[in-house]
């Protein structure tokens, strides 16, 4: 059970983060007044496993071309994949197109504002649904990404790293701190992410610039080394199936017609790995075709 001092320490964290965020938030498109719920949805999917600096120009191009779900739904999945270009994990482009179709058909082209309706959209998981509800519509729901988890692990639990994701526990920890006021809840969700991304970074955290340094359990304990289970690390890109998939996708995006099987064969010398990557693209719906007819993006 938490003592009165511990409760007071934890209760002091949100207002400090909110005040710091008001003064230090980066000027990002999805934080600007009037930015649409559709724009928030697009940005959240683009930001999954892709750095902010790479997302911003692609996001602006995307919203210029498809400013509403109806606009994207009227175009083909192939065009969505082409416009995705080098953001990586192109299945996200298909997910966005499928979500746009559902929003157009089920919600008259308006991104829904509640969790159940958002989760019912194809390709939209719990994190994205929470992010759209919180940041587009001001719903007081906890939103937890890798940066938030690191802030919670250090400031609240006194651990140097967050370790493997534990969705239910992570959301409960954030919910415990979340202000009841919707505006402050939105700011705390965004502020905790910003703090983890710019100050409480994984390596060499800038504790001297942290607004909750004096409340941080990890700092108070003398920065003990993390001894828990390690979070899984992403496999290296060079030589991976991801690299081969990327080469094939680039060929498909840049072709006006089917890419012959012979051309696919020239993209990668390892036939087994190449066929495995191609089979994965076909299975994921990112490519269609056969050796006899060649391969292309989905219609």
Protein backbone atom coordinates (compact mmCIF):
# COMPACT_ATOMS: atom_id res chain seq x y z
CA UNK A 1 0.00 0.00 0.00
CA UNK A 2 1.29 3.46 -0.86
CA UNK A 3 2.03 5.81 2.01
CA UNK A 4 0.86 9.41 2.07
CA UNK A 5 4.28 10.62 0.91
CA UNK A 6 4.32 8.25 -2.03
CA UNK A 7 0.79 9.24 -3.06
CA UNK A 8 1.74 12.90 -2.90
CA UNK A 9 4.87 12.29 -4.98
CA UNK A 10 2.93 10.51 -7.70
CA UNK A 11 0.12 13.09 -7.65
CA UNK A 12 2.69 15.83 -8.26
CA UNK A 13 3.97 14.26 -11.49
CA UNK A 14 1.07 15.06 -13.89
CA UNK A 15 0.80 18.82 -13.24
CA UNK A 16 4.58 19.21 -13.59
CA UNK A 17 4.55 17.37 -16.91
CA UNK A 18 1.53 19.33 -18.16
CA UNK A 19 3.16 22.67 -17.28
CA UNK A 20 6.46 21.63 -18.88
CA UNK A 21 4.70 20.45 -22.05
CA UNK A 22 2.89 23.78 -22.40
CA UNK A 23 6.27 25.51 -22.61
CA UNK A 24 8.36 22.90 -24.43
CA UNK A 25 6.12 20.99 -26.85
CA UNK A 26 7.58 20.74 -30.34
CA UNK A 27 5.58 22.36 -33.12
CA UNK A 28 4.26 19.24 -34.87
CA UNK A 29 1.45 19.25 -37.45
CA UNK A 30 -0.89 17.01 -35.45
CA UNK A 31 -0.67 19.35 -32.44
CA UNK A 32 -1.79 22.45 -34.30
CA UNK A 33 -5.29 23.89 -33.78
CA UNK A 34 -7.79 22.64 -36.32
CA UNK A 35 -5.82 19.57 -37.33
CA UNK A 36 -8.43 17.01 -38.37
CA UNK A 37 -9.25 13.70 -36.71
CA UNK A 38 -8.42 12.05 -40.04
CA UNK A 39 -5.02 13.72 -39.95
CA UNK A 40 -4.45 12.41 -36.42
CA UNK A 41 -5.38 8.89 -37.52
CA UNK A 42 -3.04 9.05 -40.52
CA UNK A 43 -0.20 10.48 -38.43
CA UNK A 44 -0.56 7.84 -35.72
CA UNK A 45 -0.33 5.00 -38.22
CA UNK A 46 2.62 6.62 -39.99
CA UNK A 47 4.44 7.19 -36.70
CA UNK A 48 4.40 3.50 -35.81
CA UNK A 49 8.08 2.44 -36.07
CA UNK A 50 8.97 5.50 -38.19
CA UNK A 51 10.78 8.63 -36.89
CA UNK A 52 8.93 11.94 -36.74
CA UNK A 53 11.31 13.65 -39.20
CA UNK A 54 10.51 11.10 -41.91
CA UNK A 55 6.78 11.17 -41.24
CA UNK A 56 6.11 14.92 -41.46
CA UNK A 57 6.79 15.47 -45.19
CA UNK A 58 4.97 12.25 -46.18
CA UNK A 59 2.02 13.16 -43.92
CA UNK A 60 1.68 16.57 -45.54
CA UNK A 61 1.80 15.06 -49.03
CA UNK A 62 -0.74 12.41 -48.05
CA UNK A 63 -3.23 14.90 -46.60
CA UNK A 64 -2.81 17.23 -49.57
CA UNK A 65 -3.79 14.36 -51.84
CA UNK A 66 -6.36 12.69 -49.57
CA UNK A 67 -7.64 15.29 -47.08
CA UNK A 68 -10.57 13.10 -46.00
CA UNK A 69 -11.30 9.39 -45.59
CA UNK A 70 -13.73 9.64 -48.52
CA UNK A 71 -10.95 10.91 -50.78
CA UNK A 72 -8.69 7.96 -49.98
CA UNK A 73 -11.55 5.46 -50.16
CA UNK A 74 -12.29 6.63 -53.70
CA UNK A 75 -8.75 5.79 -54.78
CA UNK A 76 -7.13 2.36 -55.09
CA UNK A 77 -5.05 0.45 -52.53
CA UNK A 78 -2.23 0.48 -55.10
CA UNK A 79 -2.10 4.29 -55.01
CA UNK A 80 -1.99 4.23 -51.21
CA UNK A 81 0.97 1.84 -51.31
CA UNK A 82 2.74 3.97 -53.93
CA UNK A 83 2.26 7.12 -51.87
CA UNK A 84 3.67 5.33 -48.82
CA UNK A 85 7.02 5.17 -50.62
CA UNK A 86 9.90 4.57 -48.20
CA UNK A 87 8.12 4.86 -44.83
CA UNK A 88 8.52 1.11 -44.29
CA UNK A 89 6.04 -1.55 -43.23
CA UNK A 90 3.74 -0.83 -46.23
CA UNK A 91 0.96 -2.95 -44.77
CA UNK A 92 0.15 0.23 -42.86
CA UNK A 93 -0.84 1.85 -46.17
CA UNK A 94 -3.30 -0.96 -46.81
CA UNK A 95 -4.59 -0.62 -43.24
CA UNK A 96 -5.20 3.09 -43.77
CA UNK A 97 -7.01 2.46 -47.03
CA UNK A 98 -9.21 -0.22 -45.42
CA UNK A 99 -9.96 2.12 -42.49
CA UNK A 100 -10.86 4.92 -44.90
CA UNK A 101 -13.25 2.60 -46.74
CA UNK A 102 -14.94 1.63 -43.47
CA UNK A 103 -15.17 5.24 -42.25
CA UNK A 104 -16.69 6.27 -45.57
CA UNK A 105 -19.21 3.42 -45.59
CA UNK A 106 -20.14 3.18 -41.90
CA UNK A 107 -19.62 6.69 -40.53
CA UNK A 108 -20.49 9.01 -43.44
CA UNK A 109 -16.82 9.89 -43.89
CA UNK A 110 -16.29 11.09 -40.30
CA UNK A 111 -13.66 9.44 -38.10
CA UNK A 112 -15.60 8.04 -35.10
CA UNK A 113 -14.93 9.50 -31.68
CA UNK A 114 -15.40 6.53 -29.35
CA UNK A 115 -13.17 3.58 -28.61
CA UNK A 116 -15.57 0.81 -29.65
CA UNK A 117 -16.21 2.32 -33.08
CA UNK A 118 -12.52 3.04 -33.60
CA UNK A 119 -11.52 -0.51 -32.64
CA UNK A 120 -14.10 -1.86 -35.08
CA UNK A 121 -12.25 -0.22 -37.98
CA UNK A 122 -10.03 -2.62 -39.94
CA UNK A 123 -6.34 -2.31 -39.16
CA UNK A 124 -6.86 -0.13 -36.06
CA UNK A 125 -5.44 -1.56 -32.85
CA UNK A 126 -5.83 -0.53 -29.24
CA UNK A 127 -2.99 2.01 -29.22
CA UNK A 128 -4.17 3.82 -32.36
CA UNK A 129 -7.78 3.87 -31.18
CA UNK A 130 -6.72 5.38 -27.85
CA UNK A 131 -4.47 7.94 -29.53
CA UNK A 132 -7.23 9.12 -31.87
CA UNK A 133 -9.79 9.26 -29.05
CA UNK A 134 -7.40 11.22 -26.82
CA UNK A 135 -5.65 13.54 -29.26
CA UNK A 136 -8.36 14.15 -31.85
CA UNK A 137 -11.38 14.19 -29.55
CA UNK A 138 -10.02 14.91 -26.08
CA UNK A 139 -11.29 11.68 -24.53
CA UNK A 140 -9.63 11.11 -21.10
CA UNK A 141 -8.20 7.66 -21.92
CA UNK A 142 -4.60 6.62 -21.19
CA UNK A 143 -2.26 6.40 -24.18
CA UNK A 144 1.03 4.57 -23.69
CA UNK A 145 3.88 4.32 -26.18
CA UNK A 146 7.51 3.29 -25.69
CA UNK A 147 8.47 6.78 -24.51
CA UNK A 148 5.66 6.94 -21.96
CA UNK A 149 6.61 3.51 -20.66
CA UNK A 150 10.17 4.67 -20.05
CA UNK A 151 9.00 7.75 -18.11
CA UNK A 152 6.67 5.62 -15.99
CA UNK A 153 9.35 3.00 -15.35
CA UNK A 154 11.85 5.58 -14.13
CA UNK A 155 9.77 8.25 -12.43
CA UNK A 156 7.12 6.02 -10.86
CA UNK A 157 8.70 2.59 -10.43
CA UNK A 158 12.40 3.46 -10.02
CA UNK A 159 13.60 1.25 -12.88
CA UNK A 160 16.12 2.32 -15.50
CA UNK A 161 14.26 0.61 -18.33
CA UNK A 162 10.66 -0.32 -18.97
CA UNK A 163 11.42 -3.90 -20.05
CA UNK A 164 8.99 -5.89 -22.22
CA UNK A 165 5.64 -4.28 -22.87
CA UNK A 166 2.82 -5.28 -20.51
CA UNK A 167 -0.17 -3.54 -22.04
CA UNK A 168 -2.66 -4.00 -19.22
CA UNK A 169 -0.20 -3.02 -16.47
CA UNK A 170 1.19 -0.10 -18.49
CA UNK A 171 -2.28 1.31 -19.13
CA UNK A 172 -3.24 0.87 -15.49
CA UNK A 173 -0.13 2.76 -14.38
CA UNK A 174 -0.93 5.61 -16.75
CA UNK A 175 -4.61 5.62 -15.78
CA UNK A 176 -3.62 6.02 -12.13
CA UNK A 177 -1.81 9.27 -12.96
CA UNK A 178 -4.21 10.60 -15.61
CA UNK A 179 -5.91 13.86 -14.61
CA UNK A 180 -9.71 13.76 -14.56
CA UNK A 181 -10.01 16.98 -16.54
CA UNK A 182 -10.10 16.03 -20.27
CA UNK A 183 -7.88 18.93 -21.38
CA UNK A 184 -5.25 18.14 -18.76
CA UNK A 185 -5.52 14.41 -19.51
CA UNK A 186 -4.82 15.12 -23.18
CA UNK A 187 -1.84 17.30 -22.28
CA UNK A 188 -0.45 14.73 -19.86
CA UNK A 189 -0.72 11.94 -22.43
CA UNK A 190 1.13 14.04 -24.99
CA UNK A 191 3.53 15.50 -22.44
CA UNK A 192 4.66 12.13 -21.10
CA UNK A 193 5.44 11.00 -24.65
CA UNK A 194 7.30 14.24 -25.39
CA UNK A 195 9.29 13.97 -22.16
CA UNK A 196 10.36 10.42 -22.98
CA UNK A 197 11.28 11.32 -26.54
CA UNK A 198 13.26 14.50 -25.85
CA UNK A 199 14.51 14.42 -22.24
CA UNK A 200 14.05 11.04 -20.56
CA UNK A 201 15.69 9.28 -23.50
CA UNK A 202 16.88 5.69 -23.46
CA UNK A 203 20.59 6.55 -23.36
CA UNK A 204 22.02 9.57 -21.52
CA UNK A 205 18.76 11.02 -20.13
CA UNK A 206 18.95 14.78 -19.57
CA UNK A 207 17.88 14.80 -15.93
CA UNK A 208 19.04 18.41 -15.51
CA UNK A 209 16.26 19.46 -17.94
CA UNK A 210 13.57 17.19 -16.53
CA UNK A 211 10.56 18.85 -14.84
CA UNK A 212 10.03 15.86 -12.54
CA UNK A 213 13.66 15.12 -11.66
CA UNK A 214 13.05 15.74 -7.95
CA UNK A 215 10.07 13.38 -8.05
CA UNK A 216 11.83 10.62 -10.00
CA UNK A 217 12.10 7.34 -8.08
CA UNK A 218 14.99 6.13 -10.24
CA UNK A 219 17.03 9.28 -9.61
CA UNK A 220 16.25 9.17 -5.88
CA UNK A 221 17.52 5.58 -5.73
CA UNK A 222 20.85 6.55 -7.30
CA UNK A 223 20.10 5.33 -10.85
CA UNK A 224 20.30 1.58 -10.14
CA UNK A 225 21.06 -0.64 -13.12
CA UNK A 226 18.07 -2.36 -14.66
CA UNK A 227 18.08 -6.09 -13.90
CA UNK A 228 14.72 -7.19 -15.28
CA UNK A 229 13.95 -8.96 -18.56
CA UNK A 230 15.10 -7.13 -21.65
CA UNK A 231 12.66 -5.81 -24.22
CA UNK A 232 12.95 -7.67 -27.55
CA UNK A 233 15.25 -5.99 -30.04
CA UNK A 234 14.42 -5.65 -33.70
CA UNK A 235 16.54 -7.79 -36.01
CA UNK A 236 19.03 -5.95 -38.20
CA UNK A 237 17.69 -4.76 -41.55
CA UNK A 238 20.65 -5.55 -43.79
CA UNK A 239 20.25 -8.99 -45.32
CA UNK A 240 16.86 -9.55 -43.70
CA UNK A 241 13.59 -10.60 -45.31
CA UNK A 242 12.43 -7.02 -44.66
CA UNK A 243 15.15 -5.74 -46.98
CA UNK A 244 14.16 -8.20 -49.71
CA UNK A 245 10.48 -7.29 -49.32
CA UNK A 246 11.46 -3.64 -49.62
CA UNK A 247 13.35 -4.24 -52.87
CA UNK A 248 10.39 -6.08 -54.38
CA UNK A 249 7.93 -3.42 -53.23
CA UNK A 250 10.09 -0.67 -54.74
CA UNK A 251 10.05 -2.47 -58.09
CA UNK A 252 6.26 -2.84 -57.94
CA UNK A 253 5.70 0.80 -56.96
CA UNK A 254 7.84 2.11 -59.80
CA UNK A 255 6.28 -0.05 -62.50
CA UNK A 256 3.25 0.95 -64.58
CA UNK A 257 2.44 -2.70 -65.29
CA UNK A 258 3.20 -6.18 -63.97
CA UNK A 259 6.82 -6.85 -63.06
CA UNK A 260 7.98 -10.08 -64.74
CA UNK A 261 9.14 -12.93 -62.54
CA UNK A 262 12.52 -12.71 -64.27
CA UNK A 263 12.92 -9.13 -63.07
CA UNK A 264 12.03 -10.14 -59.52
CA UNK A 265 14.73 -12.82 -59.68
CA UNK A 266 17.38 -10.18 -60.42
CA UNK A 267 16.57 -8.23 -57.24
CA UNK A 268 18.12 -10.69 -54.76
CA UNK A 269 20.55 -13.59 -55.28
CA UNK A 270 19.24 -15.94 -52.57
CA UNK A 271 16.33 -17.69 -54.28
CA UNK A 272 14.92 -19.22 -51.09
CA UNK A 273 14.87 -15.91 -49.24
CA UNK A 274 13.55 -14.07 -52.29
CA UNK A 275 10.66 -16.50 -52.73
CA UNK A 276 9.88 -16.34 -49.02
CA UNK A 277 9.74 -12.54 -49.15
CA UNK A 278 7.56 -12.57 -52.26
CA UNK A 279 5.21 -15.15 -50.74
CA UNK A 280 4.86 -12.92 -47.68
CA UNK A 281 3.92 -9.93 -49.82
CA UNK A 282 1.31 -11.98 -51.65
CA UNK A 283 -0.07 -13.30 -48.36
CA UNK A 284 -0.26 -9.78 -46.89
CA UNK A 285 -2.14 -8.47 -49.91
CA UNK A 286 0.66 -6.07 -50.86
CA UNK A 287 1.25 -7.81 -54.19
CA UNK A 288 -0.86 -9.85 -56.58
CA UNK A 289 0.08 -12.01 -59.53
CA UNK A 290 1.84 -15.19 -60.53
CA UNK A 291 5.07 -16.24 -62.29
CA UNK A 292 3.24 -16.51 -65.61
CA UNK A 293 1.65 -13.05 -65.48
CA UNK A 294 4.10 -11.08 -63.39
CA UNK A 295 3.46 -9.22 -60.14
CA UNK A 296 1.87 -5.85 -59.38
CA UNK A 297 0.36 -3.81 -56.58
CA UNK A 298 -3.23 -4.64 -55.55
CA UNK A 299 -6.08 -2.92 -57.40
